[in-house]
Amino acid sequence: ELESEAFGLQIGEISKVIQVGEYYFILLCQGFTTPTVEDFDSVQEILRTDLQEKKMRLAMQQMYTALHDDSQIDNFLAGTSQPSRAQRQAVRQSQTIER
C-alpha cells in the first residue's frame, strides 16, 4: 500500500495516513526525479533483487520480533528472566481479576 500511495501522488500532494505494521507514514510528493536509466529492462532484474532482499529482511525482522515476544528468555549468567507474551498477558489478566 505504501508503494502504490507514493507513486500515485502528484507534486505537492500529501497522502493519507498509511499504516505499515506498527508504523504510520504520511507522504509529501516534492517532485519527480529525472530517470538516470532510459532502458528499464536493463535494470529490472537488479531492482527486483533489491526489493526482494529488502522485503525479506523486513519479514525476517518481524518474525524475529514475534519469536522474541513469544519466548521466555532466561539469562543464567545475569540471573534474569523475561517472560513470554502469553505469560505477561496471564499476569495482566490475574491482576485485573483481583481488582
Protein backbone atom coordinates (compact mmCIF):
# COMPACT_ATOMS: atom_id res chain seq x y z
CA GLU A 1 0.00 0.00 0.00
CA LEU A 2 2.88 2.39 0.77
CA GLU A 3 4.38 1.96 -2.69
CA SER A 4 1.11 2.43 -4.54
CA GLU A 5 0.29 5.54 -2.48
CA ALA A 6 3.77 7.01 -3.05
CA PHE A 7 3.71 6.54 -6.80
CA GLY A 8 0.14 7.78 -7.08
CA LEU A 9 0.82 11.23 -5.60
CA GLN A 10 1.09 14.41 -7.67
CA ILE A 11 3.61 17.18 -6.94
CA GLY A 12 2.67 18.99 -3.73
CA GLU A 13 0.09 16.37 -2.76
CA ILE A 14 0.03 14.86 0.75
CA SER A 15 -1.00 11.26 1.24
CA LYS A 16 -3.49 9.87 3.72
CA VAL A 17 -2.07 8.25 6.87
CA ILE A 18 -0.66 4.87 5.87
CA GLN A 19 -0.09 2.11 8.43
CA VAL A 20 2.62 -0.43 7.72
CA GLY A 21 2.95 -2.85 10.61
CA GLU A 22 3.30 -0.78 13.75
CA TYR A 23 4.49 2.31 11.87
CA TYR A 24 2.48 5.18 10.38
CA PHE A 25 3.52 7.28 7.37
CA ILE A 26 2.37 10.49 5.75
CA LEU A 27 3.98 11.19 2.38
CA LEU A 28 4.55 14.51 0.61
CA CYS A 29 5.41 14.50 -3.08
CA GLN A 30 8.06 17.15 -3.60
CA GLY A 31 8.60 16.38 -7.26
CA PHE A 32 9.82 13.76 -9.65
CA THR A 33 13.42 12.91 -10.46
CA THR A 34 14.76 12.64 -13.96
CA PRO A 35 15.33 9.00 -14.86
CA THR A 36 19.01 8.09 -14.94
CA VAL A 37 18.31 4.86 -16.82
CA GLU A 38 16.44 5.05 -20.08
CA ASP A 39 16.11 1.28 -20.57
CA PHE A 40 14.08 -0.24 -17.74
CA ASP A 41 14.76 -3.79 -18.95
CA SER A 42 18.49 -3.33 -18.29
CA VAL A 43 17.91 -2.68 -14.56
CA GLN A 44 14.70 -4.59 -13.94
CA GLU A 45 16.40 -7.69 -12.51
CA ILE A 46 18.65 -5.57 -10.22
CA LEU A 47 15.61 -3.70 -8.91
CA ARG A 48 13.64 -6.91 -8.41
CA THR A 49 16.51 -8.49 -6.47
CA ASP A 50 17.00 -5.37 -4.33
CA LEU A 51 13.29 -5.14 -3.48
CA GLN A 52 13.07 -8.86 -2.69
CA GLU A 53 16.07 -8.60 -0.34
CA LYS A 54 14.59 -5.58 1.46
CA LYS A 55 11.21 -7.25 1.86
CA MET A 56 12.90 -10.45 3.06
CA ARG A 57 14.88 -8.50 5.70
CA LEU A 58 11.67 -6.83 6.87
CA ALA A 59 9.84 -10.17 7.08
CA MET A 60 12.77 -11.72 8.96
CA GLN A 61 12.77 -8.83 11.44
CA GLN A 62 9.03 -9.24 12.00
CA MET A 63 9.48 -12.99 12.53
CA TYR A 64 12.38 -12.42 14.94
CA THR A 65 10.29 -9.90 16.92
CA ALA A 66 7.37 -12.34 17.10
CA LEU A 67 9.65 -15.18 18.23
CA HIS A 68 11.29 -12.92 20.81
CA ASP A 69 7.92 -11.76 22.17
CA ASP A 70 6.55 -15.31 22.36
CA SER A 71 9.63 -16.75 24.12
CA GLN A 72 10.64 -16.83 27.74
CA ILE A 73 14.25 -15.70 27.88
CA ASP A 74 16.37 -16.84 30.80
CA ASN A 75 19.82 -15.29 31.21
CA PHE A 76 21.53 -17.66 33.60
CA LEU A 77 24.72 -15.57 33.74
CA ALA A 78 22.91 -12.41 34.81
CA GLY A 79 20.24 -14.27 36.77
CA THR A 80 17.40 -12.54 34.90
CA SER A 81 14.31 -13.80 33.13
CA GLN A 82 11.99 -12.19 30.62
CA PRO A 83 8.50 -13.73 30.46
CA SER A 84 6.83 -14.53 27.17
CA ARG A 85 3.91 -12.53 25.82
CA ALA A 86 1.46 -15.21 26.98
CA GLN A 87 2.92 -15.11 30.50
CA ARG A 88 2.71 -11.31 30.60
CA GLN A 89 -0.92 -11.44 29.45
CA ALA A 90 -1.77 -14.04 32.09
CA VAL A 91 -0.26 -11.80 34.79
CA ARG A 92 -2.25 -8.81 33.50
CA GLN A 93 -5.47 -10.83 33.48
CA SER A 94 -4.94 -12.11 37.00
CA GLN A 95 -4.22 -8.56 38.18
CA THR A 96 -7.43 -7.37 36.50
CA ILE A 97 -9.47 -10.15 38.11
CA GLU A 98 -8.01 -9.34 41.55
CA ARG A 99 -9.15 -5.71 41.27
